[in-house]
Structure formats: C-alpha cells, structure tokens
Amino acid sequence: MAQRSVADMAEEISDLLGARLGVRGEGLEERIARAGRRLPARIRARALEIAEAETCSRNPRLACRIDPVSLERTYREVAAHLRRIDPVERRIGALLSILASIALGLILLFALFVAVNVWRGSL
C-alpha cells in the first residue's frame, strides 16, 4: 500500500469533518476547533496531532521528526470514527431532542394548569 502524504491525510480528515459533522472552516485546525464537543476528547486530540504534523511537514527540518507509522495509526483511528457518524441520524436525533423538550414543556404547562384550577376549586 502506498504511503499517504501528511497533507492528504489532513485534507481527508478535514473533508470528513465537513461531510459528517457539517463543520465549516478553512483548514483542519479550524474545523477541529469548530467541531468542539461534537468530537470526543480522544478523537479531537488525535485529529490535532494530524493538524500539527501537517504544519510540521511544511518545514523541512521539522518534517523529519514526524513518525509515519504513528501518524498513519492516528489517521486510521480518526477516519474510522468519522466514517461511523451518520449525518442523517444526527439530524434526526437533534430533531427528536427538540421535540422531546417541547413535549416536556407542554406536559409541565398542562400539569400547572390543572394544579392551579384544582387549588382554585374550578376542577
């Protein structure tokens, strides 16, 4: 298997962040920052390692410090996590969460209405 370049890895992770989480931004670091808590802490840290390696790969003196085996393992872990995310399922989950909040509010409002009417003797 051909070795991927650090830039290719960073670009693919950045594209996955955009496609799976809907995160916008210029580069990988900005997209990771905007993803925030939507990424688990461990995956966020691994993605930042890839972003740092991309920055270091631009400098010839720092490029030799990059461990390609470790970076490839990190890339696979982050990419596997992002590929497991289903954007449609995320949207449905968010919609259901909003609807559940509205339903709970309506139930509490109805319970308050009944309690006030019982207290006043109307019911």
PDB file of N, CA and C in Angstrom:
ATOM      1  N   MET A   1       0.842  -1.177   0.000  1.00  0.00           N
ATOM      2  CA  MET A   1       0.000   0.000   0.000  1.00  0.00           C
ATOM      3  C   MET A   1       0.887   1.241   0.000  1.00  0.00           C
ATOM      4  N   ALA A   2       0.546   2.179  -0.833  1.00  0.00           N
ATOM      5  CA  ALA A   2       1.341   3.395  -0.940  1.00  0.00           C
ATOM      6  C   ALA A   2       1.162   4.252   0.308  1.00  0.00           C
ATOM      7  N   GLN A   3       2.237   4.900   0.692  1.00  0.00           N
ATOM      8  CA  GLN A   3       2.213   5.776   1.867  1.00  0.00           C
ATOM      9  C   GLN A   3       1.490   7.082   1.505  1.00  0.00           C
ATOM     10  N   ARG A   4       0.550   7.471   2.318  1.00  0.00           N
ATOM     11  CA  ARG A   4      -0.154   8.734   2.107  1.00  0.00           C
ATOM     12  C   ARG A   4       0.706   9.884   2.599  1.00  0.00           C
ATOM     13  N   SER A   5       0.567  11.016   1.956  1.00  0.00           N
ATOM     14  CA  SER A   5       1.276  12.188   2.461  1.00  0.00           C
ATOM     15  C   SER A   5       0.478  12.779   3.620  1.00  0.00           C
ATOM     16  N   VAL A   6       1.164  13.541   4.444  1.00  0.00           N
ATOM     17  CA  VAL A   6       0.514  14.165   5.601  1.00  0.00           C
ATOM     18  C   VAL A   6      -0.566  15.128   5.139  1.00  0.00           C
ATOM     19  N   ALA A   7      -0.322  15.835   4.077  1.00  0.00           N
ATOM     20  CA  ALA A   7      -1.307  16.781   3.552  1.00  0.00           C
ATOM     21  C   ALA A   7      -2.564  16.056   3.086  1.00  0.00           C
ATOM     22  N   ASP A   8      -2.386  14.888   2.446  1.00  0.00           N
ATOM     23  CA  ASP A   8      -3.546  14.115   2.007  1.00  0.00           C
ATOM     24  C   ASP A   8      -4.373  13.627   3.198  1.00  0.00           C
ATOM     25  N   MET A   9      -3.682  13.169   4.238  1.00  0.00           N
ATOM     26  CA  MET A   9      -4.385  12.717   5.441  1.00  0.00           C
ATOM     27  C   MET A   9      -5.174  13.861   6.063  1.00  0.00           C
ATOM     28  N   ALA A  10      -4.528  15.006   6.196  1.00  0.00           N
ATOM     29  CA  ALA A  10      -5.180  16.167   6.804  1.00  0.00           C
ATOM     30  C   ALA A  10      -6.366  16.617   5.965  1.00  0.00           C
ATOM     31  N   GLU A  11      -6.217  16.598   4.657  1.00  0.00           N
ATOM     32  CA  GLU A  11      -7.306  17.016   3.777  1.00  0.00           C
ATOM     33  C   GLU A  11      -8.490  16.051   3.875  1.00  0.00           C
ATOM     34  N   GLU A  12      -8.199  14.759   3.948  1.00  0.00           N
ATOM     35  CA  GLU A  12      -9.290  13.789   4.049  1.00  0.00           C
ATOM     36  C   GLU A  12     -10.028  13.909   5.385  1.00  0.00           C
ATOM     37  N   ILE A  13      -9.291  14.100   6.461  1.00  0.00           N
ATOM     38  CA  ILE A  13      -9.926  14.286   7.772  1.00  0.00           C
ATOM     39  C   ILE A  13     -10.767  15.563   7.762  1.00  0.00           C
ATOM     40  N   SER A  14     -10.241  16.600   7.158  1.00  0.00           N
ATOM     41  CA  SER A  14     -10.970  17.866   7.059  1.00  0.00           C
ATOM     42  C   SER A  14     -12.255  17.684   6.253  1.00  0.00           C
ATOM     43  N   ASP A  15     -12.175  16.940   5.149  1.00  0.00           N
ATOM     44  CA  ASP A  15     -13.358  16.677   4.336  1.00  0.00           C
ATOM     45  C   ASP A  15     -14.386  15.846   5.104  1.00  0.00           C
ATOM     46  N   LEU A  16     -13.918  14.855   5.869  1.00  0.00           N
ATOM     47  CA  LEU A  16     -14.828  14.035   6.666  1.00  0.00           C
ATOM     48  C   LEU A  16     -15.522  14.869   7.753  1.00  0.00           C
ATOM     49  N   LEU A  17     -14.777  15.787   8.360  1.00  0.00           N
ATOM     50  CA  LEU A  17     -15.386  16.672   9.361  1.00  0.00           C
ATOM     51  C   LEU A  17     -16.492  17.511   8.724  1.00  0.00           C
ATOM     52  N   GLY A  18     -16.231  17.983   7.521  1.00  0.00           N
ATOM     53  CA  GLY A  18     -17.238  18.774   6.828  1.00  0.00           C
ATOM     54  C   GLY A  18     -18.443  17.955   6.417  1.00  0.00           C
ATOM     55  N   ALA A  19     -18.213  16.756   5.899  1.00  0.00           N
ATOM     56  CA  ALA A  19     -19.305  15.928   5.397  1.00  0.00           C
ATOM     57  C   ALA A  19     -20.120  15.292   6.520  1.00  0.00           C
ATOM     58  N   ARG A  20     -19.455  14.786   7.540  1.00  0.00           N
ATOM     59  CA  ARG A  20     -20.151  14.024   8.577  1.00  0.00           C
ATOM     60  C   ARG A  20     -20.700  14.886   9.708  1.00  0.00           C
ATOM     61  N   LEU A  21     -19.984  15.946  10.063  1.00  0.00           N
ATOM     62  CA  LEU A  21     -20.428  16.799  11.170  1.00  0.00           C
ATOM     63  C   LEU A  21     -20.943  18.154  10.705  1.00  0.00           C
ATOM     64  N   GLY A  22     -20.779  18.463   9.420  1.00  0.00           N
ATOM     65  CA  GLY A  22     -21.246  19.747   8.911  1.00  0.00           C
ATOM     66  C   GLY A  22     -20.417  20.920   9.398  1.00  0.00           C
ATOM     67  N   VAL A  23     -19.150  20.667   9.698  1.00  0.00           N
ATOM     68  CA  VAL A  23     -18.273  21.710  10.233  1.00  0.00           C
ATOM     69  C   VAL A  23     -17.634  22.459   9.068  1.00  0.00           C
ATOM     70  N   ARG A  24     -17.679  23.779   9.146  1.00  0.00           N
ATOM     71  CA  ARG A  24     -17.055  24.602   8.109  1.00  0.00           C
ATOM     72  C   ARG A  24     -15.762  25.192   8.646  1.00  0.00           C
ATOM     73  N   GLY A  25     -14.901  25.593   7.735  1.00  0.00           N
ATOM     74  CA  GLY A  25     -13.658  26.234   8.132  1.00  0.00           C
ATOM     75  C   GLY A  25     -12.640  26.113   7.020  1.00  0.00           C
ATOM     76  N   GLU A  26     -11.571  26.864   7.160  1.00  0.00           N
ATOM     77  CA  GLU A  26     -10.533  26.894   6.141  1.00  0.00           C
ATOM     78  C   GLU A  26      -9.639  25.665   6.180  1.00  0.00           C
ATOM     79  N   GLY A  27      -9.064  25.390   7.333  1.00  0.00           N
ATOM     80  CA  GLY A  27      -8.137  24.274   7.430  1.00  0.00           C
ATOM     81  C   GLY A  27      -8.593  23.265   8.462  1.00  0.00           C
ATOM     82  N   LEU A  28      -7.764  22.256   8.649  1.00  0.00           N
ATOM     83  CA  LEU A  28      -8.099  21.194   9.592  1.00  0.00           C
ATOM     84  C   LEU A  28      -8.191  21.721  11.012  1.00  0.00           C
ATOM     85  N   GLU A  29      -7.258  22.557  11.425  1.00  0.00           N
ATOM     86  CA  GLU A  29      -7.279  23.080  12.797  1.00  0.00           C
ATOM     87  C   GLU A  29      -8.549  23.878  13.079  1.00  0.00           C
ATOM     88  N   GLU A  30      -8.966  24.692  12.139  1.00  0.00           N
ATOM     89  CA  GLU A  30     -10.163  25.498  12.331  1.00  0.00           C
ATOM     90  C   GLU A  30     -11.406  24.612  12.399  1.00  0.00           C
ATOM     91  N   ARG A  31     -11.452  23.590  11.556  1.00  0.00           N
ATOM     92  CA  ARG A  31     -12.598  22.680  11.581  1.00  0.00           C
ATOM     93  C   ARG A  31     -12.654  21.893  12.886  1.00  0.00           C
ATOM     94  N   ILE A  32     -11.507  21.491  13.396  1.00  0.00           N
ATOM     95  CA  ILE A  32     -11.475  20.772  14.672  1.00  0.00           C
ATOM     96  C   ILE A  32     -11.970  21.688  15.789  1.00  0.00           C
ATOM     97  N   ALA A  33     -11.524  22.936  15.749  1.00  0.00           N
ATOM     98  CA  ALA A  33     -11.952  23.889  16.771  1.00  0.00           C
ATOM     99  C   ALA A  33     -13.461  24.127  16.698  1.00  0.00           C
ATOM    100  N   ARG A  34     -13.992  24.211  15.504  1.00  0.00           N
ATOM    101  CA  ARG A  34     -15.427  24.453  15.345  1.00  0.00           C
ATOM    102  C   ARG A  34     -16.251  23.214  15.677  1.00  0.00           C
ATOM    103  N   ALA A  35     -15.667  22.036  15.535  1.00  0.00           N
ATOM    104  CA  ALA A  35     -16.392  20.802  15.880  1.00  0.00           C
ATOM    105  C   ALA A  35     -16.638  20.742  17.376  1.00  0.00           C
ATOM    106  N   GLY A  36     -15.680  21.227  18.151  1.00  0.00           N
ATOM    107  CA  GLY A  36     -15.850  21.316  19.597  1.00  0.00           C
ATOM    108  C   GLY A  36     -16.233  20.007  20.246  1.00  0.00           C
ATOM    109  N   ARG A  37     -17.337  20.016  20.971  1.00  0.00           N
ATOM    110  CA  ARG A  37     -17.748  18.860  21.754  1.00  0.00           C
ATOM    111  C   ARG A  37     -18.436  17.790  20.920  1.00  0.00           C
ATOM    112  N   ARG A  38     -18.621  18.047  19.636  1.00  0.00           N
ATOM    113  CA  ARG A  38     -19.188  17.009  18.781  1.00  0.00           C
ATOM    114  C   ARG A  38     -18.194  15.885  18.552  1.00  0.00           C
ATOM    115  N   LEU A  39     -16.925  16.170  18.803  1.00  0.00           N
ATOM    116  CA  LEU A  39     -15.881  15.141  18.734  1.00  0.00           C
ATOM    117  C   LEU A  39     -15.505  14.733  20.153  1.00  0.00           C
ATOM    118  N   PRO A  40     -15.354  13.431  20.399  1.00  0.00           N
ATOM    119  CA  PRO A  40     -14.851  13.011  21.713  1.00  0.00           C
ATOM    120  C   PRO A  40     -13.446  13.566  21.939  1.00  0.00           C
ATOM    121  N   ALA A  41     -13.076  13.732  23.187  1.00  0.00           N
ATOM    122  CA  ALA A  41     -11.792  14.366  23.518  1.00  0.00           C
ATOM    123  C   ALA A  41     -10.614  13.599  22.912  1.00  0.00           C
ATOM    124  N   ARG A  42     -10.662  12.273  22.972  1.00  0.00           N
ATOM    125  CA  ARG A  42      -9.560  11.470  22.444  1.00  0.00           C
ATOM    126  C   ARG A  42      -9.413  11.651  20.932  1.00  0.00           C
ATOM    127  N   ILE A  43     -10.543  11.639  20.222  1.00  0.00           N
ATOM    128  CA  ILE A  43     -10.512  11.800  18.766  1.00  0.00           C
ATOM    129  C   ILE A  43     -10.082  13.215  18.407  1.00  0.00           C
ATOM    130  N   ARG A  44     -10.550  14.199  19.168  1.00  0.00           N
ATOM    131  CA  ARG A  44     -10.137  15.591  18.933  1.00  0.00           C
ATOM    132  C   ARG A  44      -8.634  15.741  19.093  1.00  0.00           C
ATOM    133  N   ALA A  45      -8.075  15.103  20.138  1.00  0.00           N
ATOM    134  CA  ALA A  45      -6.627  15.177  20.370  1.00  0.00           C
ATOM    135  C   ALA A  45      -5.861  14.514  19.231  1.00  0.00           C
ATOM    136  N   ARG A  46      -6.372  13.381  18.753  1.00  0.00           N
ATOM    137  CA  ARG A  46      -5.713  12.689  17.623  1.00  0.00           C
ATOM    138  C   ARG A  46      -5.782  13.526  16.349  1.00  0.00           C
ATOM    139  N   ALA A  47      -6.907  14.147  16.118  1.00  0.00           N
ATOM    140  CA  ALA A  47      -7.038  14.995  14.930  1.00  0.00           C
ATOM    141  C   ALA A  47      -6.103  16.195  15.009  1.00  0.00           C
ATOM    142  N   LEU A  48      -5.930  16.730  16.212  1.00  0.00           N
ATOM    143  CA  LEU A  48      -4.989  17.841  16.378  1.00  0.00           C
ATOM    144  C   LEU A  48      -3.553  17.384  16.135  1.00  0.00           C
ATOM    145  N   GLU A  49      -3.240  16.126  16.463  1.00  0.00           N
ATOM    146  CA  GLU A  49      -1.908  15.590  16.150  1.00  0.00           C
ATOM    147  C   GLU A  49      -1.679  15.593  14.641  1.00  0.00           C
ATOM    148  N   ILE A  50      -2.702  15.229  13.881  1.00  0.00           N
ATOM    149  CA  ILE A  50      -2.584  15.238  12.419  1.00  0.00           C
ATOM    150  C   ILE A  50      -2.414  16.665  11.917  1.00  0.00           C
ATOM    151  N   ALA A  51      -3.161  17.598  12.480  1.00  0.00           N
ATOM    152  CA  ALA A  51      -3.036  19.006  12.077  1.00  0.00           C
ATOM    153  C   ALA A  51      -1.643  19.535  12.398  1.00  0.00           C
ATOM    154  N   GLU A  52      -1.116  19.144  13.564  1.00  0.00           N
ATOM    155  CA  GLU A  52       0.237  19.582  13.932  1.00  0.00           C
ATOM    156  C   GLU A  52       1.273  18.964  13.001  1.00  0.00           C
ATOM    157  N   ALA A  53       1.078  17.698  12.646  1.00  0.00           N
ATOM    158  CA  ALA A  53       2.004  17.045  11.716  1.00  0.00           C
ATOM    159  C   ALA A  53       1.951  17.707  10.349  1.00  0.00           C
ATOM    160  N   GLU A  54       0.768  18.149   9.945  1.00  0.00           N
ATOM    161  CA  GLU A  54       0.658  18.844   8.660  1.00  0.00           C
ATOM    162  C   GLU A  54       1.446  20.149   8.696  1.00  0.00           C
ATOM    163  N   THR A  55       1.350  20.873   9.801  1.00  0.00           N
ATOM    164  CA  THR A  55       2.100  22.119   9.950  1.00  0.00           C
ATOM    165  C   THR A  55       3.597  21.846   9.938  1.00  0.00           C
ATOM    166  N   CYS A  56       4.017  20.805  10.649  1.00  0.00           N
ATOM    167  CA  CYS A  56       5.441  20.467  10.709  1.00  0.00           C
ATOM    168  C   CYS A  56       5.966  19.975   9.366  1.00  0.00           C
ATOM    169  N   SER A  57       5.113  19.328   8.572  1.00  0.00           N
ATOM    170  CA  SER A  57       5.570  18.783   7.292  1.00  0.00           C
ATOM    171  C   SER A  57       5.919  19.878   6.290  1.00  0.00           C
ATOM    172  N   ARG A  58       5.437  21.078   6.527  1.00  0.00           N
ATOM    173  CA  ARG A  58       5.772  22.191   5.626  1.00  0.00           C
ATOM    174  C   ARG A  58       7.188  22.699   5.832  1.00  0.00           C
ATOM    175  N   ASN A  59       7.765  22.411   7.004  1.00  0.00           N
ATOM    176  CA  ASN A  59       9.132  22.827   7.319  1.00  0.00           C
ATOM    177  C   ASN A  59      10.053  21.618   7.166  1.00  0.00           C
ATOM    178  N   PRO A  60      11.049  21.689   6.282  1.00  0.00           N
ATOM    179  CA  PRO A  60      11.917  20.527   6.044  1.00  0.00           C
ATOM    180  C   PRO A  60      12.654  20.036   7.295  1.00  0.00           C
ATOM    181  N   ARG A  61      13.019  20.915   8.181  1.00  0.00           N
ATOM    182  CA  ARG A  61      13.735  20.480   9.386  1.00  0.00           C
ATOM    183  C   ARG A  61      12.810  19.766  10.368  1.00  0.00           C
ATOM    184  N   LEU A  62      11.569  20.189  10.420  1.00  0.00           N
ATOM    185  CA  LEU A  62      10.621  19.554  11.328  1.00  0.00           C
ATOM    186  C   LEU A  62       9.965  18.314  10.723  1.00  0.00           C
ATOM    187  N   ALA A  63       9.966  18.221   9.403  1.00  0.00           N
ATOM    188  CA  ALA A  63       9.318  17.092   8.732  1.00  0.00           C
ATOM    189  C   ALA A  63       9.958  15.762   9.086  1.00  0.00           C
ATOM    190  N   CYS A  64      11.253  15.768   9.357  1.00  0.00           N
ATOM    191  CA  CYS A  64      11.925  14.510   9.674  1.00  0.00           C
ATOM    192  C   CYS A  64      11.557  13.999  11.061  1.00  0.00           C
ATOM    193  N   ARG A  65      10.929  14.805  11.887  1.00  0.00           N
ATOM    194  CA  ARG A  65      10.525  14.388  13.238  1.00  0.00           C
ATOM    195  C   ARG A  65       9.184  13.645  13.242  1.00  0.00           C
ATOM    196  N   ILE A  66       8.471  13.667  12.146  1.00  0.00           N
ATOM    197  CA  ILE A  66       7.159  13.025  12.071  1.00  0.00           C
ATOM    198  C   ILE A  66       7.342  11.520  11.965  1.00  0.00           C
ATOM    199  N   ASP A  67       6.656  10.776  12.836  1.00  0.00           N
ATOM    200  CA  ASP A  67       6.679   9.318  12.800  1.00  0.00           C
ATOM    201  C   ASP A  67       5.551   8.847  11.884  1.00  0.00           C
ATOM    202  N   PRO A  68       5.888   8.332  10.687  1.00  0.00           N
ATOM    203  CA  PRO A  68       4.822   7.987   9.731  1.00  0.00           C
ATOM    204  C   PRO A  68       3.935   6.831  10.205  1.00  0.00           C
ATOM    205  N   VAL A  69       4.492   5.877  10.942  1.00  0.00           N
ATOM    206  CA  VAL A  69       3.696   4.736  11.408  1.00  0.00           C
ATOM    207  C   VAL A  69       2.666   5.193  12.438  1.00  0.00           C
ATOM    208  N   SER A  70       3.109   5.994  13.385  1.00  0.00           N
ATOM    209  CA  SER A  70       2.207   6.512  14.407  1.00  0.00           C
ATOM    210  C   SER A  70       1.161   7.435  13.784  1.00  0.00           C
ATOM    211  N   LEU A  71       1.577   8.247  12.843  1.00  0.00           N
ATOM    212  CA  LEU A  71       0.655   9.166  12.184  1.00  0.00           C
ATOM    213  C   LEU A  71      -0.393   8.401  11.380  1.00  0.00           C
ATOM    214  N   GLU A  72       0.015   7.328  10.718  1.00  0.00           N
ATOM    215  CA  GLU A  72      -0.927   6.508   9.955  1.00  0.00           C
ATOM    216  C   GLU A  72      -1.946   5.845  10.883  1.00  0.00           C
ATOM    217  N   ARG A  73      -1.498   5.376  12.034  1.00  0.00           N
ATOM    218  CA  ARG A  73      -2.387   4.761  13.016  1.00  0.00           C
ATOM    219  C   ARG A  73      -3.385   5.806  13.538  1.00  0.00           C
ATOM    220  N   THR A  74      -2.882   6.986  13.813  1.00  0.00           N
ATOM    221  CA  THR A  74      -3.743   8.070  14.290  1.00  0.00           C
ATOM    222  C   THR A  74      -4.768   8.447  13.228  1.00  0.00           C
ATOM    223  N   TYR A  75      -4.319   8.542  11.994  1.00  0.00           N
ATOM    224  CA  TYR A  75      -5.206   8.867  10.880  1.00  0.00           C
ATOM    225  C   TYR A  75      -6.324   7.833  10.759  1.00  0.00           C
ATOM    226  N   ARG A  76      -5.959   6.556  10.813  1.00  0.00           N
ATOM    227  CA  ARG A  76      -6.960   5.493  10.681  1.00  0.00           C
ATOM    228  C   ARG A  76      -7.993   5.552  11.806  1.00  0.00           C
ATOM    229  N   GLU A  77      -7.536   5.840  13.013  1.00  0.00           N
ATOM    230  CA  GLU A  77      -8.451   5.918  14.154  1.00  0.00           C
ATOM    231  C   GLU A  77      -9.447   7.061  13.977  1.00  0.00           C
ATOM    232  N   VAL A  78      -8.956   8.235  13.600  1.00  0.00           N
ATOM    233  CA  VAL A  78      -9.835   9.404  13.429  1.00  0.00           C
ATOM    234  C   VAL A  78     -10.782   9.185  12.252  1.00  0.00           C
ATOM    235  N   ALA A  79     -10.245   8.681  11.149  1.00  0.00           N
ATOM    236  CA  ALA A  79     -11.073   8.466   9.961  1.00  0.00           C
ATOM    237  C   ALA A  79     -12.149   7.414  10.230  1.00  0.00           C
ATOM    238  N   ALA A  80     -11.797   6.352  10.950  1.00  0.00           N
ATOM    239  CA  ALA A  80     -12.786   5.315  11.266  1.00  0.00           C
ATOM    240  C   ALA A  80     -13.909   5.890  12.129  1.00  0.00           C
ATOM    241  N   HIS A  81     -13.556   6.712  13.093  1.00  0.00           N
ATOM    242  CA  HIS A  81     -14.580   7.323  13.944  1.00  0.00           C
ATOM    243  C   HIS A  81     -15.503   8.219  13.115  1.00  0.00           C
ATOM    244  N   LEU A  82     -14.930   9.045  12.260  1.00  0.00           N
ATOM    245  CA  LEU A  82     -15.737   9.977  11.477  1.00  0.00           C
ATOM    246  C   LEU A  82     -16.602   9.249  10.453  1.00  0.00           C
ATOM    247  N   ARG A  83     -16.116   8.137   9.908  1.00  0.00           N
ATOM    248  CA  ARG A  83     -16.910   7.384   8.929  1.00  0.00           C
ATOM    249  C   ARG A  83     -18.106   6.690   9.581  1.00  0.00           C
ATOM    250  N   ARG A  84     -18.019   6.401  10.873  1.00  0.00           N
ATOM    251  CA  ARG A  84     -19.137   5.766  11.579  1.00  0.00           C
ATOM    252  C   ARG A  84     -20.279   6.738  11.853  1.00  0.00           C
ATOM    253  N   ILE A  85     -20.029   8.029  11.755  1.00  0.00           N
ATOM    254  CA  ILE A  85     -21.062   9.032  12.042  1.00  0.00           C
ATOM    255  C   ILE A  85     -21.988   9.139  10.837  1.00  0.00           C
ATOM    256  N   ASP A  86     -23.289   9.014  11.100  1.00  0.00           N
ATOM    257  CA  ASP A  86     -24.293   9.151  10.049  1.00  0.00           C
ATOM    258  C   ASP A  86     -24.938  10.535  10.174  1.00  0.00           C
ATOM    259  N   PRO A  87     -24.735  11.408   9.189  1.00  0.00           N
ATOM    260  CA  PRO A  87     -25.271  12.769   9.300  1.00  0.00           C
ATOM    261  C   PRO A  87     -26.802  12.805   9.392  1.00  0.00           C
ATOM    262  N   VAL A  88     -27.475  11.902   8.693  1.00  0.00           N
ATOM    263  CA  VAL A  88     -28.940  11.883   8.731  1.00  0.00           C
ATOM    264  C   VAL A  88     -29.405  11.484  10.129  1.00  0.00           C
ATOM    265  N   GLU A  89     -28.762  10.491  10.710  1.00  0.00           N
ATOM    266  CA  GLU A  89     -29.112  10.059  12.062  1.00  0.00           C
ATOM    267  C   GLU A  89     -28.865  11.172  13.083  1.00  0.00           C
ATOM    268  N   ARG A  90     -27.786  11.933  12.901  1.00  0.00           N
ATOM    269  CA  ARG A  90     -27.505  13.062  13.794  1.00  0.00           C
ATOM    270  C   ARG A  90     -28.621  14.093  13.725  1.00  0.00           C
ATOM    271  N   ARG A  91     -29.091  14.402  12.508  1.00  0.00           N
ATOM    272  CA  ARG A  91     -30.162  15.388  12.355  1.00  0.00           C
ATOM    273  C   ARG A  91     -31.467  14.892  12.960  1.00  0.00           C
ATOM    274  N   ILE A  92     -31.766  13.616  12.753  1.00  0.00           N
ATOM    275  CA  ILE A  92     -32.981  13.044  13.331  1.00  0.00           C
ATOM    276  C   ILE A  92     -32.903  13.086  14.852  1.00  0.00           C
ATOM    277  N   GLY A  93     -31.741  12.748  15.406  1.00  0.00           N
ATOM    278  CA  GLY A  93     -31.557  12.798  16.851  1.00  0.00           C
ATOM    279  C   GLY A  93     -31.735  14.201  17.405  1.00  0.00           C
ATOM    280  N   ALA A  94     -31.208  15.183  16.702  1.00  0.00           N
ATOM    281  CA  ALA A  94     -31.360  16.576  17.141  1.00  0.00           C
ATOM    282  C   ALA A  94     -32.819  17.009  17.074  1.00  0.00           C
ATOM    283  N   LEU A  95     -33.510  16.623  16.024  1.00  0.00           N
ATOM    284  CA  LEU A  95     -34.923  16.963  15.880  1.00  0.00           C
ATOM    285  C   LEU A  95     -35.750  16.302  16.980  1.00  0.00           C
ATOM    286  N   LEU A  96     -35.476  15.033  17.271  1.00  0.00           N
ATOM    287  CA  LEU A  96     -36.200  14.337  18.331  1.00  0.00           C
ATOM    288  C   LEU A  96     -35.925  14.968  19.693  1.00  0.00           C
ATOM    289  N   SER A  97     -34.717  15.427  19.898  1.00  0.00           N
ATOM    290  CA  SER A  97     -34.377  16.088  21.154  1.00  0.00           C
ATOM    291  C   SER A  97     -35.172  17.389  21.317  1.00  0.00           C
ATOM    292  N   ILE A  98     -35.281  18.151  20.260  1.00  0.00           N
ATOM    293  CA  ILE A  98     -36.056  19.392  20.303  1.00  0.00           C
ATOM    294  C   ILE A  98     -37.534  19.093  20.561  1.00  0.00           C
ATOM    295  N   LEU A  99     -38.061  18.092  19.856  1.00  0.00           N
ATOM    296  CA  LEU A  99     -39.465  17.732  20.041  1.00  0.00           C
ATOM    297  C   LEU A  99     -39.732  17.218  21.455  1.00  0.00           C
ATOM    298  N   ALA A 100     -38.796  16.475  22.015  1.00  0.00           N
ATOM    299  CA  ALA A 100     -38.955  15.985  23.388  1.00  0.00           C
ATOM    300  C   ALA A 100     -38.959  17.150  24.374  1.00  0.00           C
ATOM    301  N   SER A 101     -38.130  18.139  24.156  1.00  0.00           N
ATOM    302  CA  SER A 101     -38.110  19.318  25.027  1.00  0.00           C
ATOM    303  C   SER A 101     -39.435  20.074  24.960  1.00  0.00           C
ATOM    304  N   ILE A 102     -39.966  20.218  23.758  1.00  0.00           N
ATOM    305  CA  ILE A 102     -41.249  20.907  23.595  1.00  0.00           C
ATOM    306  C   ILE A 102     -42.365  20.113  24.290  1.00  0.00           C
ATOM    307  N   ALA A 103     -42.360  18.787  24.099  1.00  0.00           N
ATOM    308  CA  ALA A 103     -43.394  17.952  24.721  1.00  0.00           C
ATOM    309  C   ALA A 103     -43.327  18.033  26.239  1.00  0.00           C
ATOM    310  N   LEU A 104     -42.134  17.999  26.798  1.00  0.00           N
ATOM    311  CA  LEU A 104     -41.982  18.107  28.243  1.00  0.00           C
ATOM    312  C   LEU A 104     -42.509  19.453  28.740  1.00  0.00           C
ATOM    313  N   GLY A 105     -42.218  20.507  28.036  1.00  0.00           N
ATOM    314  CA  GLY A 105     -42.717  21.829  28.405  1.00  0.00           C
ATOM    315  C   GLY A 105     -44.236  21.882  28.381  1.00  0.00           C
ATOM    316  N   LEU A 106     -44.843  21.285  27.360  1.00  0.00           N
ATOM    317  CA  LEU A 106     -46.304  21.276  27.274  1.00  0.00           C
ATOM    318  C   LEU A 106     -46.921  20.438  28.394  1.00  0.00           C
ATOM    319  N   ILE A 107     -46.309  19.320  28.727  1.00  0.00           N
ATOM    320  CA  ILE A 107     -46.810  18.480  29.826  1.00  0.00           C
ATOM    321  C   ILE A 107     -46.743  19.244  31.142  1.00  0.00           C
ATOM    322  N   LEU A 108     -45.625  19.914  31.389  1.00  0.00           N
ATOM    323  CA  LEU A 108     -45.499  20.695  32.622  1.00  0.00           C
ATOM    324  C   LEU A 108     -46.493  21.859  32.659  1.00  0.00           C
ATOM    325  N   LEU A 109     -46.710  22.494  31.535  1.00  0.00           N
ATOM    326  CA  LEU A 109     -47.681  23.582  31.465  1.00  0.00           C
ATOM    327  C   LEU A 109     -49.095  23.072  31.757  1.00  0.00           C
ATOM    328  N   PHE A 110     -49.445  21.927  31.201  1.00  0.00           N
ATOM    329  CA  PHE A 110     -50.758  21.338  31.451  1.00  0.00           C
ATOM    330  C   PHE A 110     -50.901  20.949  32.921  1.00  0.00           C
ATOM    331  N   ALA A 111     -49.843  20.363  33.501  1.00  0.00           N
ATOM    332  CA  ALA A 111     -49.885  19.986  34.920  1.00  0.00           C
ATOM    333  C   ALA A 111     -50.051  21.219  35.794  1.00  0.00           C
ATOM    334  N   LEU A 112     -49.391  22.303  35.451  1.00  0.00           N
ATOM    335  CA  LEU A 112     -49.532  23.558  36.200  1.00  0.00           C
ATOM    336  C   LEU A 112     -50.953  24.098  36.076  1.00  0.00           C
ATOM    337  N   PHE A 113     -51.504  24.026  34.891  1.00  0.00           N
ATOM    338  CA  PHE A 113     -52.880  24.479  34.652  1.00  0.00           C
ATOM    339  C   PHE A 113     -53.867  23.688  35.512  1.00  0.00           C
ATOM    340  N   VAL A 114     -53.707  22.371  35.527  1.00  0.00           N
ATOM    341  CA  VAL A 114     -54.588  21.526  36.331  1.00  0.00           C
ATOM    342  C   VAL A 114     -54.396  21.828  37.812  1.00  0.00           C
ATOM    343  N   ALA A 115     -53.174  21.977  38.269  1.00  0.00           N
ATOM    344  CA  ALA A 115     -52.902  22.243  39.684  1.00  0.00           C
ATOM    345  C   ALA A 115     -53.507  23.576  40.126  1.00  0.00           C
ATOM    346  N   VAL A 116     -53.398  24.593  39.300  1.00  0.00           N
ATOM    347  CA  VAL A 116     -53.960  25.900  39.646  1.00  0.00           C
ATOM    348  C   VAL A 116     -55.479  25.816  39.704  1.00  0.00           C
ATOM    349  N   ASN A 117     -56.095  25.122  38.753  1.00  0.00           N
ATOM    350  CA  ASN A 117     -57.554  25.009  38.741  1.00  0.00           C
ATOM    351  C   ASN A 117     -58.063  24.166  39.915  1.00  0.00           C
ATOM    352  N   VAL A 118     -57.335  23.146  40.315  1.00  0.00           N
ATOM    353  CA  VAL A 118     -57.726  22.350  41.484  1.00  0.00           C
ATOM    354  C   VAL A 118     -57.595  23.213  42.739  1.00  0.00           C
ATOM    355  N   TRP A 119     -56.561  23.991  42.841  1.00  0.00           N
ATOM    356  CA  TRP A 119     -56.334  24.851  44.005  1.00  0.00           C
ATOM    357  C   TRP A 119     -57.429  25.898  44.131  1.00  0.00           C
ATOM    358  N   ARG A 120     -57.849  26.449  42.975  1.00  0.00           N
ATOM    359  CA  ARG A 120     -58.887  27.466  42.980  1.00  0.00           C
ATOM    360  C   ARG A 120     -60.275  26.863  43.143  1.00  0.00           C
ATOM    361  N   GLY A 121     -60.397  25.553  42.997  1.00  0.00           N
ATOM    362  CA  GLY A 121     -61.681  24.880  43.149  1.00  0.00           C
ATOM    363  C   GLY A 121     -62.477  24.785  41.878  1.00  0.00           C
ATOM    364  N   SER A 122     -61.891  25.110  40.747  1.00  0.00           N
ATOM    365  CA  SER A 122     -62.604  25.033  39.468  1.00  0.00           C
ATOM    366  C   SER A 122     -62.745  23.597  38.984  1.00  0.00           C
ATOM    367  N   LEU A 123     -61.847  22.727  39.407  1.00  0.00           N
ATOM    368  CA  LEU A 123     -61.917  21.315  38.971  1.00  0.00           C
ATOM    369  C   LEU A 123     -62.223  20.412  40.129  1.00  0.00           C
TER     370      LEU A 123
END
